[in-house]
Amino acid sequence: MASTSDVAAAAARKVNENGGFPTQEQTPPGLTGEMNPRPDHGEQSYVGHGRLRGLRALITGGDSGIGRAVAIAFAREGASVALSYLDSEEEDARETAELVRAADEEVALLPGDLMQRTVCGELPGRAVQALGGVDVLINNAGFQMARTPGIEELRDEDLNRVLTTNLQALFWLTRATVPLLQRGSSIINTTSIQAYEPSTTLLDYAATKAAINNFTVNLAGELGSRGIRVNAVAPGPIWTPLQPATQEGEHLETFGGDTPLGRAGQPAEVAPAYVFLASPAEASYVSGTVIGVTGGKAVF
């Protein structure tokens, strides 16, 4: 007989006959509570086994979507977490914090706009002050604009937001965090299937994700001698607030339907990859790699 958690997870993963979700739109960055259906972050289903006991993680974009699922999983694996998010995402961040506290782990709420260099420079120190240190940096925050017809319609302000949030902030934040890491620490970046199968209508976003792949491999080479591992996770189409906030509503009806598994994924299905890569025991010899969680799409 299926457990209550199994039933809840199955309900959240139910999609329509085209593999997607009901038509809906939000204003960026989007909120979890306005999504139909609400994503499965592992609230009812994720069971920890102490893999990350005693670690302290800084998670950008930690309020919702993949970031929330990672926060839940890390807390249930024994890690304390600091959540970085925008002021407009406070509602989601507080929900995530309550889920972390329910796992009897410490959580720090650290709002701020990562498009500001000073915010990125100060964020790791704020996390250390709150948690006593940082052992894992999760560069997860990202942004994509609504689909554009072509490069001629790509506005400077939109391009700047995507490039700064997805790429420049990653450099600023990592630069500020590395001096605080010890041997055995790790950095995990969120890239995308778009780095391998770029959509012509996501020209800027896809370019940043390909760059993150390169960043991951190069930084792993640089930090390996210091005992710091650097890896990445490449999600495919995942049901997060980013989707209704950046796509035309009707596109969501087939969102994820083109994957070999025929549907979009849920954040709870991505989080275990981050747990594995952060685990000092299970991934001690894993660095410079990208794990794809794509519903069957290739990441090579």
C-alpha atoms as a PDB file:
ATOM      1  CA  MET A   1       0.000   0.000   0.000  1.00  0.00           C
ATOM      2  CA  ALA A   2       1.317   3.448  -0.917  1.00  0.00           C
ATOM      3  CA  SER A   3       2.260   5.729   1.975  1.00  0.00           C
ATOM      4  CA  THR A   4       0.805   9.210   2.477  1.00  0.00           C
ATOM      5  CA  SER A   5       4.082  10.761   1.322  1.00  0.00           C
ATOM      6  CA  ASP A   6       4.070   8.637  -1.826  1.00  0.00           C
ATOM      7  CA  VAL A   7       0.532   9.735  -2.649  1.00  0.00           C
ATOM      8  CA  ALA A   8       1.367  13.413  -2.071  1.00  0.00           C
ATOM      9  CA  ALA A   9       4.439  13.230  -4.276  1.00  0.00           C
ATOM     10  CA  ALA A  10       2.536  11.433  -7.030  1.00  0.00           C
ATOM     11  CA  ALA A  11      -0.206  14.069  -6.961  1.00  0.00           C
ATOM     12  CA  ALA A  12       2.307  16.890  -7.305  1.00  0.00           C
ATOM     13  CA  ARG A  13       3.942  15.171 -10.273  1.00  0.00           C
ATOM     14  CA  LYS A  14       0.702  14.625 -12.156  1.00  0.00           C
ATOM     15  CA  VAL A  15       0.710  16.399 -15.513  1.00  0.00           C
ATOM     16  CA  ASN A  16      -1.808  16.857 -18.294  1.00  0.00           C
ATOM     17  CA  GLU A  17      -2.020  14.692 -21.394  1.00  0.00           C
ATOM     18  CA  ASN A  18       0.612  16.839 -23.131  1.00  0.00           C
ATOM     19  CA  GLY A  19       3.111  16.459 -20.294  1.00  0.00           C
ATOM     20  CA  GLY A  20       2.644  19.975 -18.957  1.00  0.00           C
ATOM     21  CA  PHE A  21       0.522  22.101 -16.639  1.00  0.00           C
ATOM     22  CA  PRO A  22      -2.546  24.367 -16.728  1.00  0.00           C
ATOM     23  CA  THR A  23      -2.153  27.738 -18.448  1.00  0.00           C
ATOM     24  CA  GLN A  24      -0.970  30.353 -15.933  1.00  0.00           C
ATOM     25  CA  GLU A  25       1.282  33.377 -15.668  1.00  0.00           C
ATOM     26  CA  GLN A  26       2.978  35.324 -12.895  1.00  0.00           C
ATOM     27  CA  THR A  27       5.075  38.459 -12.563  1.00  0.00           C
ATOM     28  CA  PRO A  28       8.805  37.663 -12.130  1.00  0.00           C
ATOM     29  CA  PRO A  29      10.289  36.242  -9.990  1.00  0.00           C
ATOM     30  CA  GLY A  30       7.080  34.321  -9.171  1.00  0.00           C
ATOM     31  CA  LEU A  31       5.761  32.779  -5.964  1.00  0.00           C
ATOM     32  CA  THR A  32       5.149  29.164  -5.027  1.00  0.00           C
ATOM     33  CA  GLY A  33       1.713  29.742  -3.519  1.00  0.00           C
ATOM     34  CA  GLU A  34       0.323  31.014  -6.823  1.00  0.00           C
ATOM     35  CA  MET A  35       1.354  27.924  -8.798  1.00  0.00           C
ATOM     36  CA  ASN A  36      -1.161  25.300  -9.977  1.00  0.00           C
ATOM     37  CA  PRO A  37      -0.287  22.676  -8.948  1.00  0.00           C
ATOM     38  CA  ARG A  38       2.164  23.524  -6.192  1.00  0.00           C
ATOM     39  CA  PRO A  39       5.552  21.925  -6.842  1.00  0.00           C
ATOM     40  CA  ASP A  40       6.786  18.923  -4.872  1.00  0.00           C
ATOM     41  CA  HIS A  41       9.910  19.991  -2.949  1.00  0.00           C
ATOM     42  CA  GLY A  42      10.087  16.789  -0.948  1.00  0.00           C
ATOM     43  CA  GLU A  43       8.085  18.211   1.951  1.00  0.00           C
ATOM     44  CA  GLN A  44       6.313  14.891   2.515  1.00  0.00           C
ATOM     45  CA  SER A  45       8.693  12.496   0.840  1.00  0.00           C
ATOM     46  CA  TYR A  46      12.368  13.293   1.437  1.00  0.00           C
ATOM     47  CA  VAL A  47      13.967  11.117   4.115  1.00  0.00           C
ATOM     48  CA  GLY A  48      17.456  12.024   5.327  1.00  0.00           C
ATOM     49  CA  HIS A  49      20.213   9.631   6.375  1.00  0.00           C
ATOM     50  CA  GLY A  50      22.763  11.943   7.999  1.00  0.00           C
ATOM     51  CA  ARG A  51      24.890  12.336   4.867  1.00  0.00           C
ATOM     52  CA  LEU A  52      25.600  16.031   5.538  1.00  0.00           C
ATOM     53  CA  ARG A  53      25.641  16.051   9.317  1.00  0.00           C
ATOM     54  CA  GLY A  54      27.348  19.138  10.711  1.00  0.00           C
ATOM     55  CA  LEU A  55      27.821  20.915   7.381  1.00  0.00           C
ATOM     56  CA  ARG A  56      26.792  24.524   6.762  1.00  0.00           C
ATOM     57  CA  ALA A  57      25.454  25.486   3.343  1.00  0.00           C
ATOM     58  CA  LEU A  58      24.831  28.819   1.641  1.00  0.00           C
ATOM     59  CA  ILE A  59      22.104  28.416  -1.000  1.00  0.00           C
ATOM     60  CA  THR A  60      21.325  31.217  -3.433  1.00  0.00           C
ATOM     61  CA  GLY A  61      17.797  31.227  -4.779  1.00  0.00           C
ATOM     62  CA  GLY A  62      17.023  29.222  -1.661  1.00  0.00           C
ATOM     63  CA  ASP A  63      13.484  30.443  -1.179  1.00  0.00           C
ATOM     64  CA  SER A  64      11.663  28.319  -3.767  1.00  0.00           C
ATOM     65  CA  GLY A  65      11.951  25.774  -6.556  1.00  0.00           C
ATOM     66  CA  ILE A  66      15.173  23.797  -6.677  1.00  0.00           C
ATOM     67  CA  GLY A  67      16.670  25.958  -3.925  1.00  0.00           C
ATOM     68  CA  ARG A  68      13.837  25.089  -1.535  1.00  0.00           C
ATOM     69  CA  ALA A  69      14.100  21.385  -2.346  1.00  0.00           C
ATOM     70  CA  VAL A  70      17.858  21.486  -1.712  1.00  0.00           C
ATOM     71  CA  ALA A  71      17.335  23.321   1.595  1.00  0.00           C
ATOM     72  CA  ILE A  72      14.827  20.699   2.750  1.00  0.00           C
ATOM     73  CA  ALA A  73      17.053  17.806   1.709  1.00  0.00           C
ATOM     74  CA  PHE A  74      20.176  19.324   3.264  1.00  0.00           C
ATOM     75  CA  ALA A  75      18.384  20.007   6.545  1.00  0.00           C
ATOM     76  CA  ARG A  76      17.045  16.461   6.723  1.00  0.00           C
ATOM     77  CA  GLU A  77      20.575  15.213   6.024  1.00  0.00           C
ATOM     78  CA  GLY A  78      21.844  17.171   9.038  1.00  0.00           C
ATOM     79  CA  ALA A  79      23.077  20.466   7.525  1.00  0.00           C
ATOM     80  CA  SER A  80      22.270  23.994   8.618  1.00  0.00           C
ATOM     81  CA  VAL A  81      21.486  26.385   5.781  1.00  0.00           C
ATOM     82  CA  ALA A  82      21.596  30.073   4.879  1.00  0.00           C
ATOM     83  CA  LEU A  83      19.058  31.144   2.276  1.00  0.00           C
ATOM     84  CA  SER A  84      19.827  33.937  -0.190  1.00  0.00           C
ATOM     85  CA  TYR A  85      16.843  35.444  -2.013  1.00  0.00           C
ATOM     86  CA  LEU A  86      15.251  38.669  -3.258  1.00  0.00           C
ATOM     87  CA  ASP A  87      13.207  40.870  -0.924  1.00  0.00           C
ATOM     88  CA  SER A  88      10.141  40.166  -3.072  1.00  0.00           C
ATOM     89  CA  GLU A  89      10.547  36.446  -2.314  1.00  0.00           C
ATOM     90  CA  GLU A  90      10.282  36.875   1.476  1.00  0.00           C
ATOM     91  CA  GLU A  91       7.020  34.907   1.684  1.00  0.00           C
ATOM     92  CA  ASP A  92       8.560  31.876   0.006  1.00  0.00           C
ATOM     93  CA  ALA A  93      11.777  32.200   2.009  1.00  0.00           C
ATOM     94  CA  ARG A  94       9.906  32.131   5.313  1.00  0.00           C
ATOM     95  CA  GLU A  95       8.016  28.994   4.253  1.00  0.00           C
ATOM     96  CA  THR A  96      11.314  27.323   3.396  1.00  0.00           C
ATOM     97  CA  ALA A  97      12.829  28.396   6.701  1.00  0.00           C
ATOM     98  CA  GLU A  98       9.972  26.771   8.604  1.00  0.00           C
ATOM     99  CA  LEU A  99      10.566  23.515   6.739  1.00  0.00           C
ATOM    100  CA  VAL A 100      14.253  23.633   7.699  1.00  0.00           C
ATOM    101  CA  ARG A 101      13.419  24.326  11.342  1.00  0.00           C
ATOM    102  CA  ALA A 102      10.990  21.411  11.312  1.00  0.00           C
ATOM    103  CA  ALA A 103      14.031  19.223  10.623  1.00  0.00           C
ATOM    104  CA  ASP A 104      15.652  20.659  13.794  1.00  0.00           C
ATOM    105  CA  GLU A 105      18.343  22.479  11.822  1.00  0.00           C
ATOM    106  CA  GLU A 106      19.450  26.093  11.963  1.00  0.00           C
ATOM    107  CA  VAL A 107      18.462  28.443   9.142  1.00  0.00           C
ATOM    108  CA  ALA A 108      19.489  31.997   8.291  1.00  0.00           C
ATOM    109  CA  LEU A 109      17.452  34.313   6.068  1.00  0.00           C
ATOM    110  CA  LEU A 110      19.726  36.561   4.003  1.00  0.00           C
ATOM    111  CA  PRO A 111      17.756  38.726   1.556  1.00  0.00           C
ATOM    112  CA  GLY A 112      19.520  40.828  -1.050  1.00  0.00           C
ATOM    113  CA  ASP A 113      19.833  41.411  -4.785  1.00  0.00           C
ATOM    114  CA  LEU A 114      22.742  39.438  -6.243  1.00  0.00           C
ATOM    115  CA  MET A 115      22.889  41.882  -9.148  1.00  0.00           C
ATOM    116  CA  GLN A 116      24.688  44.166  -6.673  1.00  0.00           C
ATOM    117  CA  ARG A 117      28.390  43.372  -6.317  1.00  0.00           C
ATOM    118  CA  THR A 118      28.461  44.575  -2.718  1.00  0.00           C
ATOM    119  CA  VAL A 119      25.634  42.182  -1.786  1.00  0.00           C
ATOM    120  CA  CYS A 120      27.566  39.251  -3.262  1.00  0.00           C
ATOM    121  CA  GLY A 121      30.738  40.336  -1.507  1.00  0.00           C
ATOM    122  CA  GLU A 122      29.064  40.559   1.889  1.00  0.00           C
ATOM    123  CA  LEU A 123      26.792  37.504   1.651  1.00  0.00           C
ATOM    124  CA  PRO A 124      29.344  34.785   2.594  1.00  0.00           C
ATOM    125  CA  GLY A 125      30.390  36.752   5.683  1.00  0.00           C
ATOM    126  CA  ARG A 126      26.746  37.122   6.713  1.00  0.00           C
ATOM    127  CA  ALA A 127      26.344  33.355   6.364  1.00  0.00           C
ATOM    128  CA  VAL A 128      29.436  32.733   8.499  1.00  0.00           C
ATOM    129  CA  GLN A 129      28.164  35.125  11.142  1.00  0.00           C
ATOM    130  CA  ALA A 130      24.815  33.315  11.249  1.00  0.00           C
ATOM    131  CA  LEU A 131      25.980  29.695  10.991  1.00  0.00           C
ATOM    132  CA  GLY A 132      29.565  29.822  12.252  1.00  0.00           C
ATOM    133  CA  GLY A 133      31.059  28.956   8.869  1.00  0.00           C
ATOM    134  CA  VAL A 134      30.358  27.824   5.312  1.00  0.00           C
ATOM    135  CA  ASP A 135      31.221  24.352   4.018  1.00  0.00           C
ATOM    136  CA  VAL A 136      29.058  24.200   0.880  1.00  0.00           C
ATOM    137  CA  LEU A 137      28.229  26.978  -1.577  1.00  0.00           C
ATOM    138  CA  ILE A 138      25.229  26.333  -3.837  1.00  0.00           C
ATOM    139  CA  ASN A 139      25.225  28.820  -6.728  1.00  0.00           C
ATOM    140  CA  ASN A 140      21.606  28.242  -7.682  1.00  0.00           C
ATOM    141  CA  ALA A 141      20.071  31.687  -8.274  1.00  0.00           C
ATOM    142  CA  GLY A 142      19.220  32.340 -11.897  1.00  0.00           C
ATOM    143  CA  PHE A 143      16.959  34.320 -14.188  1.00  0.00           C
ATOM    144  CA  GLN A 144      15.624  34.000 -17.704  1.00  0.00           C
ATOM    145  CA  MET A 145      13.528  36.430 -19.670  1.00  0.00           C
ATOM    146  CA  ALA A 146      10.329  35.525 -21.452  1.00  0.00           C
ATOM    147  CA  ARG A 147      10.995  34.062 -24.873  1.00  0.00           C
ATOM    148  CA  THR A 148      12.048  36.628 -27.483  1.00  0.00           C
ATOM    149  CA  PRO A 149      11.593  36.366 -31.267  1.00  0.00           C
ATOM    150  CA  GLY A 150      15.300  36.980 -31.929  1.00  0.00           C
ATOM    151  CA  ILE A 151      18.457  38.858 -31.027  1.00  0.00           C
ATOM    152  CA  GLU A 152      17.178  42.067 -32.591  1.00  0.00           C
ATOM    153  CA  GLU A 153      14.433  42.205 -29.947  1.00  0.00           C
ATOM    154  CA  LEU A 154      16.809  41.546 -27.013  1.00  0.00           C
ATOM    155  CA  ARG A 155      16.805  44.685 -24.889  1.00  0.00           C
ATOM    156  CA  ASP A 156      19.950  45.829 -23.065  1.00  0.00           C
ATOM    157  CA  GLU A 157      18.212  45.941 -19.666  1.00  0.00           C
ATOM    158  CA  ASP A 158      16.969  42.357 -20.067  1.00  0.00           C
ATOM    159  CA  LEU A 159      20.350  41.112 -21.259  1.00  0.00           C
ATOM    160  CA  ASN A 160      22.052  42.795 -18.322  1.00  0.00           C
ATOM    161  CA  ARG A 161      19.696  41.174 -15.812  1.00  0.00           C
ATOM    162  CA  VAL A 162      20.284  37.672 -17.196  1.00  0.00           C
ATOM    163  CA  LEU A 163      24.058  37.994 -17.553  1.00  0.00           C
ATOM    164  CA  THR A 164      24.547  39.658 -14.176  1.00  0.00           C
ATOM    165  CA  THR A 165      22.281  37.330 -12.179  1.00  0.00           C
ATOM    166  CA  ASN A 166      23.375  34.090 -13.804  1.00  0.00           C
ATOM    167  CA  LEU A 167      27.056  34.689 -14.424  1.00  0.00           C
ATOM    168  CA  GLN A 168      28.627  37.801 -12.978  1.00  0.00           C
ATOM    169  CA  ALA A 169      27.054  37.267  -9.556  1.00  0.00           C
ATOM    170  CA  LEU A 170      28.374  33.690  -9.603  1.00  0.00           C
ATOM    171  CA  PHE A 171      31.920  35.051 -10.025  1.00  0.00           C
ATOM    172  CA  TRP A 172      31.466  37.722  -7.355  1.00  0.00           C
ATOM    173  CA  LEU A 173      29.939  35.347  -4.824  1.00  0.00           C
ATOM    174  CA  THR A 174      32.384  32.518  -5.409  1.00  0.00           C
ATOM    175  CA  ARG A 175      35.332  34.907  -5.188  1.00  0.00           C
ATOM    176  CA  ALA A 176      34.096  36.091  -1.794  1.00  0.00           C
ATOM    177  CA  THR A 177      33.333  32.575  -0.509  1.00  0.00           C
ATOM    178  CA  VAL A 178      36.466  30.640  -1.468  1.00  0.00           C
ATOM    179  CA  PRO A 179      38.702  32.253   1.214  1.00  0.00           C
ATOM    180  CA  LEU A 180      36.215  31.029   3.831  1.00  0.00           C
ATOM    181  CA  LEU A 181      36.200  27.390   2.674  1.00  0.00           C
ATOM    182  CA  GLN A 182      38.320  24.657   4.203  1.00  0.00           C
ATOM    183  CA  ARG A 183      39.729  21.422   2.783  1.00  0.00           C
ATOM    184  CA  GLY A 184      36.761  19.124   2.235  1.00  0.00           C
ATOM    185  CA  SER A 185      34.398  21.943   1.301  1.00  0.00           C
ATOM    186  CA  SER A 186      32.541  22.021  -1.986  1.00  0.00           C
ATOM    187  CA  ILE A 187      30.898  24.329  -4.497  1.00  0.00           C
ATOM    188  CA  ILE A 188      27.885  23.207  -6.547  1.00  0.00           C
ATOM    189  CA  ASN A 189      26.633  25.294  -9.449  1.00  0.00           C
ATOM    190  CA  THR A 190      23.240  25.063 -11.140  1.00  0.00           C
ATOM    191  CA  THR A 191      23.594  24.889 -14.904  1.00  0.00           C
ATOM    192  CA  SER A 192      20.894  23.597 -17.307  1.00  0.00           C
ATOM    193  CA  ILE A 193      19.990  21.321 -20.181  1.00  0.00           C
ATOM    194  CA  GLN A 194      20.103  24.612 -22.103  1.00  0.00           C
ATOM    195  CA  ALA A 195      23.892  24.361 -22.025  1.00  0.00           C
ATOM    196  CA  TYR A 196      23.588  21.242 -24.199  1.00  0.00           C
ATOM    197  CA  GLU A 197      20.344  21.790 -26.129  1.00  0.00           C
ATOM    198  CA  PRO A 198      20.043  25.588 -26.377  1.00  0.00           C
ATOM    199  CA  SER A 199      16.688  27.018 -27.396  1.00  0.00           C
ATOM    200  CA  THR A 200      16.968  29.778 -29.976  1.00  0.00           C
ATOM    201  CA  THR A 201      14.432  31.775 -27.958  1.00  0.00           C
ATOM    202  CA  LEU A 202      16.625  31.595 -24.826  1.00  0.00           C
ATOM    203  CA  LEU A 203      19.798  32.890 -26.448  1.00  0.00           C
ATOM    204  CA  ASP A 204      21.147  34.819 -23.455  1.00  0.00           C
ATOM    205  CA  TYR A 205      20.056  32.345 -20.774  1.00  0.00           C
ATOM    206  CA  ALA A 206      21.502  29.342 -22.625  1.00  0.00           C
ATOM    207  CA  ALA A 207      24.803  31.149 -23.125  1.00  0.00           C
ATOM    208  CA  THR A 208      25.143  31.761 -19.369  1.00  0.00           C
ATOM    209  CA  LYS A 209      24.520  28.101 -18.602  1.00  0.00           C
ATOM    210  CA  ALA A 210      27.176  26.962 -21.064  1.00  0.00           C
ATOM    211  CA  ALA A 211      29.570  29.408 -19.411  1.00  0.00           C
ATOM    212  CA  ILE A 212      28.744  27.949 -15.978  1.00  0.00           C
ATOM    213  CA  ASN A 213      29.771  24.515 -17.246  1.00  0.00           C
ATOM    214  CA  ASN A 214      33.141  25.929 -18.266  1.00  0.00           C
ATOM    215  CA  PHE A 215      33.451  27.821 -14.978  1.00  0.00           C
ATOM    216  CA  THR A 216      32.793  24.616 -13.053  1.00  0.00           C
ATOM    217  CA  VAL A 217      35.507  22.620 -14.792  1.00  0.00           C
ATOM    218  CA  ASN A 218      38.083  25.423 -14.622  1.00  0.00           C
ATOM    219  CA  LEU A 219      37.452  26.199 -10.959  1.00  0.00           C
ATOM    220  CA  ALA A 220      37.645  22.507 -10.060  1.00  0.00           C
ATOM    221  CA  GLY A 221      41.108  22.489 -11.620  1.00  0.00           C
ATOM    222  CA  GLU A 222      42.141  25.561  -9.672  1.00  0.00           C
ATOM    223  CA  LEU A 223      40.830  24.521  -6.255  1.00  0.00           C
ATOM    224  CA  GLY A 224      41.586  20.804  -6.372  1.00  0.00           C
ATOM    225  CA  SER A 225      44.978  21.208  -4.724  1.00  0.00           C
ATOM    226  CA  ARG A 226      43.236  22.923  -1.806  1.00  0.00           C
ATOM    227  CA  GLY A 227      40.892  19.979  -1.308  1.00  0.00           C
ATOM    228  CA  ILE A 228      37.828  21.912  -2.474  1.00  0.00           C
ATOM    229  CA  ARG A 229      35.538  20.112  -4.925  1.00  0.00           C
ATOM    230  CA  VAL A 230      33.555  21.959  -7.606  1.00  0.00           C
ATOM    231  CA  ASN A 231      30.672  20.372  -9.511  1.00  0.00           C
ATOM    232  CA  ALA A 232      27.387  21.276 -11.160  1.00  0.00           C
ATOM    233  CA  VAL A 233      23.865  19.973 -11.630  1.00  0.00           C
ATOM    234  CA  ALA A 234      22.102  20.421 -14.974  1.00  0.00           C
ATOM    235  CA  PRO A 235      18.320  20.289 -14.509  1.00  0.00           C
ATOM    236  CA  GLY A 236      15.988  19.796 -17.422  1.00  0.00           C
ATOM    237  CA  PRO A 237      12.469  21.271 -17.423  1.00  0.00           C
ATOM    238  CA  ILE A 238      11.580  21.570 -13.724  1.00  0.00           C
ATOM    239  CA  TRP A 239       8.302  22.914 -12.311  1.00  0.00           C
ATOM    240  CA  THR A 240       9.370  26.044 -10.395  1.00  0.00           C
ATOM    241  CA  PRO A 241       8.035  29.628 -10.096  1.00  0.00           C
ATOM    242  CA  LEU A 242      10.479  30.613 -12.832  1.00  0.00           C
ATOM    243  CA  GLN A 243       8.277  28.879 -15.395  1.00  0.00           C
ATOM    244  CA  PRO A 244       4.937  30.728 -15.000  1.00  0.00           C
ATOM    245  CA  ALA A 245       6.887  33.943 -14.325  1.00  0.00           C
ATOM    246  CA  THR A 246       8.887  33.858 -17.576  1.00  0.00           C
ATOM    247  CA  GLN A 247       6.798  31.940 -20.116  1.00  0.00           C
ATOM    248  CA  GLU A 248       3.586  32.660 -21.946  1.00  0.00           C
ATOM    249  CA  GLY A 249       0.849  30.716 -20.188  1.00  0.00           C
ATOM    250  CA  GLU A 250      -0.049  28.398 -23.046  1.00  0.00           C
ATOM    251  CA  HIS A 251       3.542  27.175 -23.347  1.00  0.00           C
ATOM    252  CA  LEU A 252       3.181  25.503 -19.951  1.00  0.00           C
ATOM    253  CA  GLU A 253       0.595  23.086 -21.330  1.00  0.00           C
ATOM    254  CA  THR A 254       3.388  21.134 -23.038  1.00  0.00           C
ATOM    255  CA  PHE A 255       6.230  22.065 -20.677  1.00  0.00           C
ATOM    256  CA  GLY A 256       8.487  19.022 -20.302  1.00  0.00           C
ATOM    257  CA  GLY A 257       6.472  16.920 -22.725  1.00  0.00           C
ATOM    258  CA  ASP A 258       9.401  16.662 -25.139  1.00  0.00           C
ATOM    259  CA  THR A 259      11.622  14.762 -22.690  1.00  0.00           C
ATOM    260  CA  PRO A 260      12.067  10.989 -23.047  1.00  0.00           C
ATOM    261  CA  LEU A 261      10.128  10.573 -19.783  1.00  0.00           C
ATOM    262  CA  GLY A 262       7.347  12.684 -21.255  1.00  0.00           C
ATOM    263  CA  ARG A 263       6.923  15.191 -18.431  1.00  0.00           C
ATOM    264  CA  ALA A 264       8.529  17.996 -16.477  1.00  0.00           C
ATOM    265  CA  GLY A 265      10.410  17.163 -13.301  1.00  0.00           C
ATOM    266  CA  GLN A 266       9.726  18.332  -9.770  1.00  0.00           C
ATOM    267  CA  PRO A 267      12.273  20.109  -7.540  1.00  0.00           C
ATOM    268  CA  ALA A 268      12.276  17.097  -5.201  1.00  0.00           C
ATOM    269  CA  GLU A 269      13.627  14.998  -8.049  1.00  0.00           C
ATOM    270  CA  VAL A 270      16.647  17.296  -8.456  1.00  0.00           C
ATOM    271  CA  ALA A 271      17.693  17.791  -4.836  1.00  0.00           C
ATOM    272  CA  PRO A 272      19.298  14.336  -4.329  1.00  0.00           C
ATOM    273  CA  ALA A 273      21.956  15.202  -6.920  1.00  0.00           C
ATOM    274  CA  TYR A 274      23.053  18.158  -4.772  1.00  0.00           C
ATOM    275  CA  VAL A 275      23.072  15.977  -1.663  1.00  0.00           C
ATOM    276  CA  PHE A 276      25.343  13.466  -3.374  1.00  0.00           C
ATOM    277  CA  LEU A 277      27.772  16.108  -4.625  1.00  0.00           C
ATOM    278  CA  ALA A 278      27.921  17.815  -1.211  1.00  0.00           C
ATOM    279  CA  SER A 279      28.515  14.560   0.684  1.00  0.00           C
ATOM    280  CA  PRO A 280      32.142  14.366   1.877  1.00  0.00           C
ATOM    281  CA  ALA A 281      31.925  10.576   2.004  1.00  0.00           C
ATOM    282  CA  GLU A 282      29.969   9.690  -1.117  1.00  0.00           C
ATOM    283  CA  ALA A 283      31.473  12.249  -3.521  1.00  0.00           C
ATOM    284  CA  SER A 284      34.960  12.658  -2.092  1.00  0.00           C
ATOM    285  CA  TYR A 285      36.563  11.901  -5.484  1.00  0.00           C
ATOM    286  CA  VAL A 286      34.006  13.722  -7.634  1.00  0.00           C
ATOM    287  CA  SER A 287      35.035  17.135  -8.948  1.00  0.00           C
ATOM    288  CA  GLY A 288      34.757  18.988 -12.238  1.00  0.00           C
ATOM    289  CA  THR A 289      31.652  17.099 -13.336  1.00  0.00           C
ATOM    290  CA  VAL A 290      28.062  17.900 -14.268  1.00  0.00           C
ATOM    291  CA  ILE A 291      25.184  15.648 -13.212  1.00  0.00           C
ATOM    292  CA  GLY A 292      22.179  15.847 -15.506  1.00  0.00           C
ATOM    293  CA  VAL A 293      18.665  15.595 -14.067  1.00  0.00           C
ATOM    294  CA  THR A 294      16.856  16.061 -17.341  1.00  0.00           C
ATOM    295  CA  GLY A 295      14.151  13.449 -17.792  1.00  0.00           C
ATOM    296  CA  GLY A 296      16.352  11.611 -20.268  1.00  0.00           C
ATOM    297  CA  LYS A 297      17.906  14.440 -22.297  1.00  0.00           C
ATOM    298  CA  ALA A 298      21.627  14.039 -22.921  1.00  0.00           C
ATOM    299  CA  VAL A 299      24.235  16.159 -21.158  1.00  0.00           C
ATOM    300  CA  PHE A 300      27.311  15.540 -23.278  1.00  0.00           C
END
